[in-house]
């Protein structure tokens, strides 16, 4: 059998497109989601209202073309945007 380099396919293009759509704040939201933070915890950490946090979460889900938080985290991990979830840190 011969070794062949993997040729990037359409799925790779979609993945890079999804990463390109994410800004720094989106990555912060994804890290919070990966840590298992609630909407109110995310709002407190990002210093925004709960409504703004909810909107940011929905936008991240839309950019990743997913419908829930768990899928957003899985997709972000697959894309290399966030690592394996860390143990939760208490809010100060």
PDB file of N, CA and C in Angstrom:
ATOM      1  N   UNK A   1       0.838  -1.176   0.000  1.00  0.00           N
ATOM      2  CA  UNK A   1       0.000   0.000   0.000  1.00  0.00           C
ATOM      3  C   UNK A   1       0.882   1.238   0.000  1.00  0.00           C
ATOM      4  N   UNK A   2       0.495   2.255  -0.734  1.00  0.00           N
ATOM      5  CA  UNK A   2       1.285   3.479  -0.781  1.00  0.00           C
ATOM      6  C   UNK A   2       0.697   4.515   0.162  1.00  0.00           C
ATOM      7  N   UNK A   3       1.572   5.334   0.709  1.00  0.00           N
ATOM      8  CA  UNK A   3       1.122   6.423   1.578  1.00  0.00           C
ATOM      9  C   UNK A   3       0.722   7.608   0.710  1.00  0.00           C
ATOM     10  N   UNK A   4      -0.453   8.115   0.976  1.00  0.00           N
ATOM     11  CA  UNK A   4      -0.918   9.288   0.234  1.00  0.00           C
ATOM     12  C   UNK A   4      -1.240  10.392   1.222  1.00  0.00           C
ATOM     13  N   UNK A   5      -0.879  11.582   0.850  1.00  0.00           N
ATOM     14  CA  UNK A   5      -1.236  12.734   1.693  1.00  0.00           C
ATOM     15  C   UNK A   5      -2.728  12.967   1.559  1.00  0.00           C
ATOM     16  N   UNK A   6      -3.322  13.363   2.666  1.00  0.00           N
ATOM     17  CA  UNK A   6      -4.756  13.660   2.611  1.00  0.00           C
ATOM     18  C   UNK A   6      -4.981  14.932   1.816  1.00  0.00           C
ATOM     19  N   UNK A   7      -5.917  14.847   0.922  1.00  0.00           N
ATOM     20  CA  UNK A   7      -6.281  16.005   0.128  1.00  0.00           C
ATOM     21  C   UNK A   7      -7.446  16.697   0.831  1.00  0.00           C
ATOM     22  N   UNK A   8      -7.307  18.018   1.086  1.00  0.00           N
ATOM     23  CA  UNK A   8      -8.416  18.708   1.748  1.00  0.00           C
ATOM     24  C   UNK A   8      -9.691  18.588   0.919  1.00  0.00           C
ATOM     25  N   UNK A   9     -10.770  18.249   1.586  1.00  0.00           N
ATOM     26  CA  UNK A   9     -12.053  18.108   0.911  1.00  0.00           C
ATOM     27  C   UNK A   9     -13.000  19.222   1.300  1.00  0.00           C
ATOM     28  N   UNK A  10     -14.236  19.136   0.829  1.00  0.00           N
ATOM     29  CA  UNK A  10     -15.221  20.171   1.126  1.00  0.00           C
ATOM     30  C   UNK A  10     -15.443  20.371   2.622  1.00  0.00           C
ATOM     31  N   UNK A  11     -15.382  19.292   3.400  1.00  0.00           N
ATOM     32  CA  UNK A  11     -15.602  19.422   4.849  1.00  0.00           C
ATOM     33  C   UNK A  11     -14.517  20.288   5.476  1.00  0.00           C
ATOM     34  N   UNK A  12     -13.266  20.172   4.975  1.00  0.00           N
ATOM     35  CA  UNK A  12     -12.177  20.995   5.508  1.00  0.00           C
ATOM     36  C   UNK A  12     -12.414  22.469   5.204  1.00  0.00           C
ATOM     37  N   UNK A  13     -12.948  22.760   4.034  1.00  0.00           N
ATOM     38  CA  UNK A  13     -13.246  24.151   3.672  1.00  0.00           C
ATOM     39  C   UNK A  13     -14.330  24.719   4.565  1.00  0.00           C
ATOM     40  N   UNK A  14     -15.338  23.911   4.855  1.00  0.00           N
ATOM     41  CA  UNK A  14     -16.421  24.356   5.736  1.00  0.00           C
ATOM     42  C   UNK A  14     -15.860  24.642   7.117  1.00  0.00           C
ATOM     43  N   UNK A  15     -15.008  23.738   7.620  1.00  0.00           N
ATOM     44  CA  UNK A  15     -14.421  23.926   8.948  1.00  0.00           C
ATOM     45  C   UNK A  15     -13.617  25.211   9.010  1.00  0.00           C
ATOM     46  N   UNK A  16     -12.747  25.461   8.009  1.00  0.00           N
ATOM     47  CA  UNK A  16     -11.955  26.685   8.066  1.00  0.00           C
ATOM     48  C   UNK A  16     -12.836  27.905   7.941  1.00  0.00           C
ATOM     49  N   UNK A  17     -13.914  27.787   7.191  1.00  0.00           N
ATOM     50  CA  UNK A  17     -14.854  28.906   7.081  1.00  0.00           C
ATOM     51  C   UNK A  17     -15.531  29.194   8.402  1.00  0.00           C
ATOM     52  N   UNK A  18     -15.864  28.141   9.153  1.00  0.00           N
ATOM     53  CA  UNK A  18     -16.501  28.329  10.452  1.00  0.00           C
ATOM     54  C   UNK A  18     -15.543  29.022  11.422  1.00  0.00           C
ATOM     55  N   UNK A  19     -14.289  28.605  11.425  1.00  0.00           N
ATOM     56  CA  UNK A  19     -13.308  29.224  12.314  1.00  0.00           C
ATOM     57  C   UNK A  19     -13.118  30.684  11.944  1.00  0.00           C
ATOM     58  N   UNK A  20     -13.084  30.988  10.662  1.00  0.00           N
ATOM     59  CA  UNK A  20     -12.885  32.369  10.213  1.00  0.00           C
ATOM     60  C   UNK A  20     -14.035  33.269  10.659  1.00  0.00           C
ATOM     61  N   UNK A  21     -15.230  32.712  10.834  1.00  0.00           N
ATOM     62  CA  UNK A  21     -16.378  33.504  11.260  1.00  0.00           C
ATOM     63  C   UNK A  21     -16.335  33.878  12.739  1.00  0.00           C
ATOM     64  N   UNK A  22     -15.511  33.174  13.518  1.00  0.00           N
ATOM     65  CA  UNK A  22     -15.468  33.402  14.962  1.00  0.00           C
ATOM     66  C   UNK A  22     -14.511  34.540  15.306  1.00  0.00           C
ATOM     67  N   UNK A  23     -14.973  35.453  16.153  1.00  0.00           N
ATOM     68  CA  UNK A  23     -14.090  36.510  16.631  1.00  0.00           C
ATOM     69  C   UNK A  23     -13.622  36.175  18.043  1.00  0.00           C
ATOM     70  N   UNK A  24     -12.832  37.039  18.627  1.00  0.00           N
ATOM     71  CA  UNK A  24     -12.280  36.790  19.954  1.00  0.00           C
ATOM     72  C   UNK A  24     -13.346  36.597  21.019  1.00  0.00           C
ATOM     73  N   UNK A  25     -14.404  37.393  20.944  1.00  0.00           N
ATOM     74  CA  UNK A  25     -15.480  37.282  21.934  1.00  0.00           C
ATOM     75  C   UNK A  25     -16.204  35.941  21.779  1.00  0.00           C
ATOM     76  N   UNK A  26     -16.364  35.491  20.530  1.00  0.00           N
ATOM     77  CA  UNK A  26     -16.990  34.187  20.284  1.00  0.00           C
ATOM     78  C   UNK A  26     -16.182  33.075  20.944  1.00  0.00           C
ATOM     79  N   UNK A  27     -14.867  33.163  20.834  1.00  0.00           N
ATOM     80  CA  UNK A  27     -14.001  32.152  21.435  1.00  0.00           C
ATOM     81  C   UNK A  27     -14.129  32.194  22.956  1.00  0.00           C
ATOM     82  N   UNK A  28     -14.229  33.399  23.530  1.00  0.00           N
ATOM     83  CA  UNK A  28     -14.442  33.514  24.978  1.00  0.00           C
ATOM     84  C   UNK A  28     -15.743  32.815  25.383  1.00  0.00           C
ATOM     85  N   UNK A  29     -16.794  33.051  24.610  1.00  0.00           N
ATOM     86  CA  UNK A  29     -18.089  32.424  24.895  1.00  0.00           C
ATOM     87  C   UNK A  29     -17.961  30.907  24.802  1.00  0.00           C
ATOM     88  N   UNK A  30     -17.292  30.416  23.781  1.00  0.00           N
ATOM     89  CA  UNK A  30     -17.111  28.974  23.617  1.00  0.00           C
ATOM     90  C   UNK A  30     -16.320  28.374  24.776  1.00  0.00           C
ATOM     91  N   UNK A  31     -15.312  29.090  25.251  1.00  0.00           N
ATOM     92  CA  UNK A  31     -14.537  28.592  26.396  1.00  0.00           C
ATOM     93  C   UNK A  31     -15.416  28.516  27.637  1.00  0.00           C
ATOM     94  N   UNK A  32     -16.262  29.521  27.818  1.00  0.00           N
ATOM     95  CA  UNK A  32     -17.190  29.500  28.956  1.00  0.00           C
ATOM     96  C   UNK A  32     -18.158  28.326  28.840  1.00  0.00           C
ATOM     97  N   UNK A  33     -18.675  28.099  27.627  1.00  0.00           N
ATOM     98  CA  UNK A  33     -19.582  26.976  27.412  1.00  0.00           C
ATOM     99  C   UNK A  33     -18.863  25.657  27.683  1.00  0.00           C
ATOM    100  N   UNK A  34     -17.617  25.559  27.236  1.00  0.00           N
ATOM    101  CA  UNK A  34     -16.842  24.330  27.458  1.00  0.00           C
ATOM    102  C   UNK A  34     -16.593  24.104  28.947  1.00  0.00           C
ATOM    103  N   UNK A  35     -16.517  25.186  29.705  1.00  0.00           N
ATOM    104  CA  UNK A  35     -16.336  25.078  31.160  1.00  0.00           C
ATOM    105  C   UNK A  35     -17.643  24.756  31.874  1.00  0.00           C
ATOM    106  N   UNK A  36     -18.749  24.713  31.128  1.00  0.00           N
ATOM    107  CA  UNK A  36     -20.042  24.390  31.720  1.00  0.00           C
ATOM    108  C   UNK A  36     -20.714  25.568  32.399  1.00  0.00           C
ATOM    109  N   UNK A  37     -20.345  26.778  32.021  1.00  0.00           N
ATOM    110  CA  UNK A  37     -20.919  27.974  32.646  1.00  0.00           C
ATOM    111  C   UNK A  37     -22.363  28.192  32.218  1.00  0.00           C
ATOM    112  N   UNK A  38     -23.160  28.740  33.127  1.00  0.00           N
ATOM    113  CA  UNK A  38     -24.546  29.107  32.810  1.00  0.00           C
ATOM    114  C   UNK A  38     -24.551  30.457  32.105  1.00  0.00           C
ATOM    115  N   UNK A  39     -25.707  30.822  31.566  1.00  0.00           N
ATOM    116  CA  UNK A  39     -25.836  32.113  30.899  1.00  0.00           C
ATOM    117  C   UNK A  39     -25.503  33.250  31.853  1.00  0.00           C
ATOM    118  N   UNK A  40     -25.996  33.187  33.077  1.00  0.00           N
ATOM    119  CA  UNK A  40     -25.728  34.276  34.025  1.00  0.00           C
ATOM    120  C   UNK A  40     -24.250  34.316  34.413  1.00  0.00           C
ATOM    121  N   UNK A  41     -23.605  33.155  34.521  1.00  0.00           N
ATOM    122  CA  UNK A  41     -22.166  33.143  34.805  1.00  0.00           C
ATOM    123  C   UNK A  41     -21.378  33.738  33.643  1.00  0.00           C
ATOM    124  N   UNK A  42     -21.765  33.384  32.429  1.00  0.00           N
ATOM    125  CA  UNK A  42     -21.095  33.930  31.249  1.00  0.00           C
ATOM    126  C   UNK A  42     -21.269  35.446  31.210  1.00  0.00           C
ATOM    127  N   UNK A  43     -22.476  35.906  31.497  1.00  0.00           N
ATOM    128  CA  UNK A  43     -22.739  37.348  31.522  1.00  0.00           C
ATOM    129  C   UNK A  43     -21.823  38.043  32.527  1.00  0.00           C
ATOM    130  N   UNK A  44     -21.685  37.468  33.707  1.00  0.00           N
ATOM    131  CA  UNK A  44     -20.828  38.058  34.725  1.00  0.00           C
ATOM    132  C   UNK A  44     -19.363  38.075  34.321  1.00  0.00           C
ATOM    133  N   UNK A  45     -18.893  36.978  33.741  1.00  0.00           N
ATOM    134  CA  UNK A  45     -17.494  36.900  33.321  1.00  0.00           C
ATOM    135  C   UNK A  45     -17.175  37.848  32.172  1.00  0.00           C
ATOM    136  N   UNK A  46     -18.139  38.041  31.268  1.00  0.00           N
ATOM    137  CA  UNK A  46     -17.918  38.921  30.117  1.00  0.00           C
ATOM    138  C   UNK A  46     -18.336  40.355  30.392  1.00  0.00           C
ATOM    139  N   UNK A  47     -18.903  40.587  31.593  1.00  0.00           N
ATOM    140  CA  UNK A  47     -19.366  41.912  31.997  1.00  0.00           C
ATOM    141  C   UNK A  47     -20.411  42.466  31.025  1.00  0.00           C
ATOM    142  N   UNK A  48     -21.406  41.611  30.728  1.00  0.00           N
ATOM    143  CA  UNK A  48     -22.528  42.003  29.875  1.00  0.00           C
ATOM    144  C   UNK A  48     -23.819  41.543  30.550  1.00  0.00           C
ATOM    145  N   UNK A  49     -24.956  41.974  30.032  1.00  0.00           N
ATOM    146  CA  UNK A  49     -26.234  41.540  30.589  1.00  0.00           C
ATOM    147  C   UNK A  49     -26.507  40.086  30.187  1.00  0.00           C
ATOM    148  N   UNK A  50     -27.443  39.462  30.885  1.00  0.00           N
ATOM    149  CA  UNK A  50     -27.826  38.081  30.547  1.00  0.00           C
ATOM    150  C   UNK A  50     -28.402  38.008  29.136  1.00  0.00           C
ATOM    151  N   UNK A  51     -29.160  39.042  28.747  1.00  0.00           N
ATOM    152  CA  UNK A  51     -29.709  39.063  27.383  1.00  0.00           C
ATOM    153  C   UNK A  51     -28.596  39.102  26.345  1.00  0.00           C
ATOM    154  N   UNK A  52     -27.567  39.908  26.595  1.00  0.00           N
ATOM    155  CA  UNK A  52     -26.433  39.976  25.662  1.00  0.00           C
ATOM    156  C   UNK A  52     -25.704  38.643  25.618  1.00  0.00           C
ATOM    157  N   UNK A  53     -25.524  38.013  26.767  1.00  0.00           N
ATOM    158  CA  UNK A  53     -24.856  36.707  26.801  1.00  0.00           C
ATOM    159  C   UNK A  53     -25.652  35.685  25.998  1.00  0.00           C
ATOM    160  N   UNK A  54     -26.983  35.680  26.183  1.00  0.00           N
ATOM    161  CA  UNK A  54     -27.843  34.760  25.414  1.00  0.00           C
ATOM    162  C   UNK A  54     -27.702  35.010  23.914  1.00  0.00           C
ATOM    163  N   UNK A  55     -27.676  36.283  23.529  1.00  0.00           N
ATOM    164  CA  UNK A  55     -27.532  36.633  22.112  1.00  0.00           C
ATOM    165  C   UNK A  55     -26.191  36.149  21.583  1.00  0.00           C
ATOM    166  N   UNK A  56     -25.137  36.345  22.346  1.00  0.00           N
ATOM    167  CA  UNK A  56     -23.806  35.907  21.912  1.00  0.00           C
ATOM    168  C   UNK A  56     -23.761  34.387  21.743  1.00  0.00           C
ATOM    169  N   UNK A  57     -24.379  33.677  22.674  1.00  0.00           N
ATOM    170  CA  UNK A  57     -24.412  32.207  22.584  1.00  0.00           C
ATOM    171  C   UNK A  57     -25.153  31.782  21.318  1.00  0.00           C
ATOM    172  N   UNK A  58     -26.307  32.416  21.059  1.00  0.00           N
ATOM    173  CA  UNK A  58     -27.075  32.081  19.846  1.00  0.00           C
ATOM    174  C   UNK A  58     -26.272  32.386  18.589  1.00  0.00           C
ATOM    175  N   UNK A  59     -25.543  33.503  18.571  1.00  0.00           N
ATOM    176  CA  UNK A  59     -24.743  33.852  17.387  1.00  0.00           C
ATOM    177  C   UNK A  59     -23.616  32.848  17.155  1.00  0.00           C
ATOM    178  N   UNK A  60     -22.976  32.430  18.236  1.00  0.00           N
ATOM    179  CA  UNK A  60     -21.915  31.423  18.107  1.00  0.00           C
ATOM    180  C   UNK A  60     -22.505  30.129  17.556  1.00  0.00           C
ATOM    181  N   UNK A  61     -23.668  29.726  18.079  1.00  0.00           N
ATOM    182  CA  UNK A  61     -24.306  28.510  17.586  1.00  0.00           C
ATOM    183  C   UNK A  61     -24.641  28.642  16.099  1.00  0.00           C
ATOM    184  N   UNK A  62     -25.129  29.800  15.695  1.00  0.00           N
ATOM    185  CA  UNK A  62     -25.462  30.017  14.287  1.00  0.00           C
ATOM    186  C   UNK A  62     -24.201  29.969  13.419  1.00  0.00           C
ATOM    187  N   UNK A  63     -23.128  30.587  13.886  1.00  0.00           N
ATOM    188  CA  UNK A  63     -21.881  30.599  13.108  1.00  0.00           C
ATOM    189  C   UNK A  63     -21.299  29.199  12.958  1.00  0.00           C
ATOM    190  N   UNK A  64     -21.512  28.366  13.959  1.00  0.00           N
ATOM    191  CA  UNK A  64     -21.017  26.985  13.891  1.00  0.00           C
ATOM    192  C   UNK A  64     -22.049  26.037  13.283  1.00  0.00           C
ATOM    193  N   UNK A  65     -23.222  26.567  12.961  1.00  0.00           N
ATOM    194  CA  UNK A  65     -24.304  25.786  12.347  1.00  0.00           C
ATOM    195  C   UNK A  65     -24.722  24.617  13.242  1.00  0.00           C
ATOM    196  N   UNK A  66     -24.941  24.946  14.530  1.00  0.00           N
ATOM    197  CA  UNK A  66     -25.399  23.951  15.499  1.00  0.00           C
ATOM    198  C   UNK A  66     -26.613  24.518  16.231  1.00  0.00           C
ATOM    199  N   UNK A  67     -27.332  23.645  16.948  1.00  0.00           N
ATOM    200  CA  UNK A  67     -28.569  24.097  17.581  1.00  0.00           C
ATOM    201  C   UNK A  67     -28.528  24.133  19.104  1.00  0.00           C
ATOM    202  N   UNK A  68     -27.442  23.622  19.717  1.00  0.00           N
ATOM    203  CA  UNK A  68     -27.394  23.662  21.178  1.00  0.00           C
ATOM    204  C   UNK A  68     -25.962  23.865  21.667  1.00  0.00           C
ATOM    205  N   UNK A  69     -25.850  24.127  22.966  1.00  0.00           N
ATOM    206  CA  UNK A  69     -24.553  24.425  23.577  1.00  0.00           C
ATOM    207  C   UNK A  69     -23.575  23.263  23.452  1.00  0.00           C
ATOM    208  N   UNK A  70     -24.053  22.054  23.723  1.00  0.00           N
ATOM    209  CA  UNK A  70     -23.168  20.886  23.675  1.00  0.00           C
ATOM    210  C   UNK A  70     -22.588  20.698  22.278  1.00  0.00           C
ATOM    211  N   UNK A  71     -23.411  20.876  21.273  1.00  0.00           N
ATOM    212  CA  UNK A  71     -22.936  20.747  19.892  1.00  0.00           C
ATOM    213  C   UNK A  71     -21.931  21.847  19.563  1.00  0.00           C
ATOM    214  N   UNK A  72     -22.147  23.044  20.097  1.00  0.00           N
ATOM    215  CA  UNK A  72     -21.203  24.147  19.876  1.00  0.00           C
ATOM    216  C   UNK A  72     -19.847  23.797  20.474  1.00  0.00           C
ATOM    217  N   UNK A  73     -19.848  23.239  21.671  1.00  0.00           N
ATOM    218  CA  UNK A  73     -18.589  22.865  22.329  1.00  0.00           C
ATOM    219  C   UNK A  73     -17.902  21.750  21.557  1.00  0.00           C
ATOM    220  N   UNK A  74     -18.667  20.725  21.171  1.00  0.00           N
ATOM    221  CA  UNK A  74     -18.072  19.609  20.396  1.00  0.00           C
ATOM    222  C   UNK A  74     -17.462  20.117  19.097  1.00  0.00           C
ATOM    223  N   UNK A  75     -18.187  20.984  18.400  1.00  0.00           N
ATOM    224  CA  UNK A  75     -17.694  21.523  17.130  1.00  0.00           C
ATOM    225  C   UNK A  75     -16.444  22.360  17.356  1.00  0.00           C
ATOM    226  N   UNK A  76     -16.457  23.189  18.397  1.00  0.00           N
ATOM    227  CA  UNK A  76     -15.287  24.020  18.705  1.00  0.00           C
ATOM    228  C   UNK A  76     -14.077  23.145  19.038  1.00  0.00           C
ATOM    229  N   UNK A  77     -14.306  22.035  19.743  1.00  0.00           N
ATOM    230  CA  UNK A  77     -13.209  21.116  20.042  1.00  0.00           C
ATOM    231  C   UNK A  77     -12.698  20.470  18.759  1.00  0.00           C
ATOM    232  N   UNK A  78     -13.605  20.046  17.900  1.00  0.00           N
ATOM    233  CA  UNK A  78     -13.210  19.438  16.622  1.00  0.00           C
ATOM    234  C   UNK A  78     -12.405  20.404  15.760  1.00  0.00           C
ATOM    235  N   UNK A  79     -12.748  21.684  15.833  1.00  0.00           N
ATOM    236  CA  UNK A  79     -12.065  22.713  15.043  1.00  0.00           C
ATOM    237  C   UNK A  79     -10.765  23.175  15.704  1.00  0.00           C
ATOM    238  N   UNK A  80     -10.543  22.741  16.941  1.00  0.00           N
ATOM    239  CA  UNK A  80      -9.335  23.154  17.651  1.00  0.00           C
ATOM    240  C   UNK A  80      -9.432  24.537  18.269  1.00  0.00           C
ATOM    241  N   UNK A  81     -10.646  25.055  18.365  1.00  0.00           N
ATOM    242  CA  UNK A  81     -10.848  26.397  18.930  1.00  0.00           C
ATOM    243  C   UNK A  81     -10.773  26.354  20.449  1.00  0.00           C
ATOM    244  N   UNK A  82     -11.304  25.299  21.055  1.00  0.00           N
ATOM    245  CA  UNK A  82     -11.201  25.107  22.505  1.00  0.00           C
ATOM    246  C   UNK A  82     -10.682  23.700  22.756  1.00  0.00           C
ATOM    247  N   UNK A  83     -10.015  23.546  23.888  1.00  0.00           N
ATOM    248  CA  UNK A  83      -9.470  22.245  24.248  1.00  0.00           C
ATOM    249  C   UNK A  83     -10.474  21.437  25.057  1.00  0.00           C
ATOM    250  N   UNK A  84      -9.976  20.416  25.668  1.00  0.00           N
ATOM    251  CA  UNK A  84     -10.794  19.576  26.540  1.00  0.00           C
ATOM    252  C   UNK A  84     -11.250  20.445  27.711  1.00  0.00           C
ATOM    253  N   UNK A  85     -12.509  20.325  28.120  1.00  0.00           N
ATOM    254  CA  UNK A  85     -12.996  21.152  29.230  1.00  0.00           C
ATOM    255  C   UNK A  85     -12.146  20.987  30.488  1.00  0.00           C
ATOM    256  N   UNK A  86     -11.868  22.126  31.106  1.00  0.00           N
ATOM    257  CA  UNK A  86     -11.125  22.138  32.366  1.00  0.00           C
ATOM    258  C   UNK A  86     -12.110  22.033  33.515  1.00  0.00           C
ATOM    259  N   UNK A  87     -11.616  21.677  34.700  1.00  0.00           N
ATOM    260  CA  UNK A  87     -12.514  21.684  35.859  1.00  0.00           C
ATOM    261  C   UNK A  87     -13.038  23.098  36.088  1.00  0.00           C
ATOM    262  N   UNK A  88     -14.269  23.204  36.513  1.00  0.00           N
ATOM    263  CA  UNK A  88     -14.883  24.527  36.741  1.00  0.00           C
ATOM    264  C   UNK A  88     -14.173  25.261  37.860  1.00  0.00           C
ATOM    265  N   UNK A  89     -13.965  26.540  37.631  1.00  0.00           N
ATOM    266  CA  UNK A  89     -13.429  27.413  38.658  1.00  0.00           C
ATOM    267  C   UNK A  89     -14.578  28.159  39.294  1.00  0.00           C
ATOM    268  N   UNK A  90     -14.573  28.325  40.603  1.00  0.00           N
ATOM    269  CA  UNK A  90     -15.661  29.080  41.234  1.00  0.00           C
ATOM    270  C   UNK A  90     -15.582  30.554  40.847  1.00  0.00           C
ATOM    271  N   UNK A  91     -16.746  31.174  40.771  1.00  0.00           N
ATOM    272  CA  UNK A  91     -16.779  32.611  40.513  1.00  0.00           C
ATOM    273  C   UNK A  91     -16.301  33.333  41.759  1.00  0.00           C
ATOM    274  N   UNK A  92     -15.596  34.407  41.563  1.00  0.00           N
ATOM    275  CA  UNK A  92     -15.077  35.172  42.707  1.00  0.00           C
ATOM    276  C   UNK A  92     -15.995  36.314  43.027  1.00  0.00           C
TER     277      UNK A  92
END
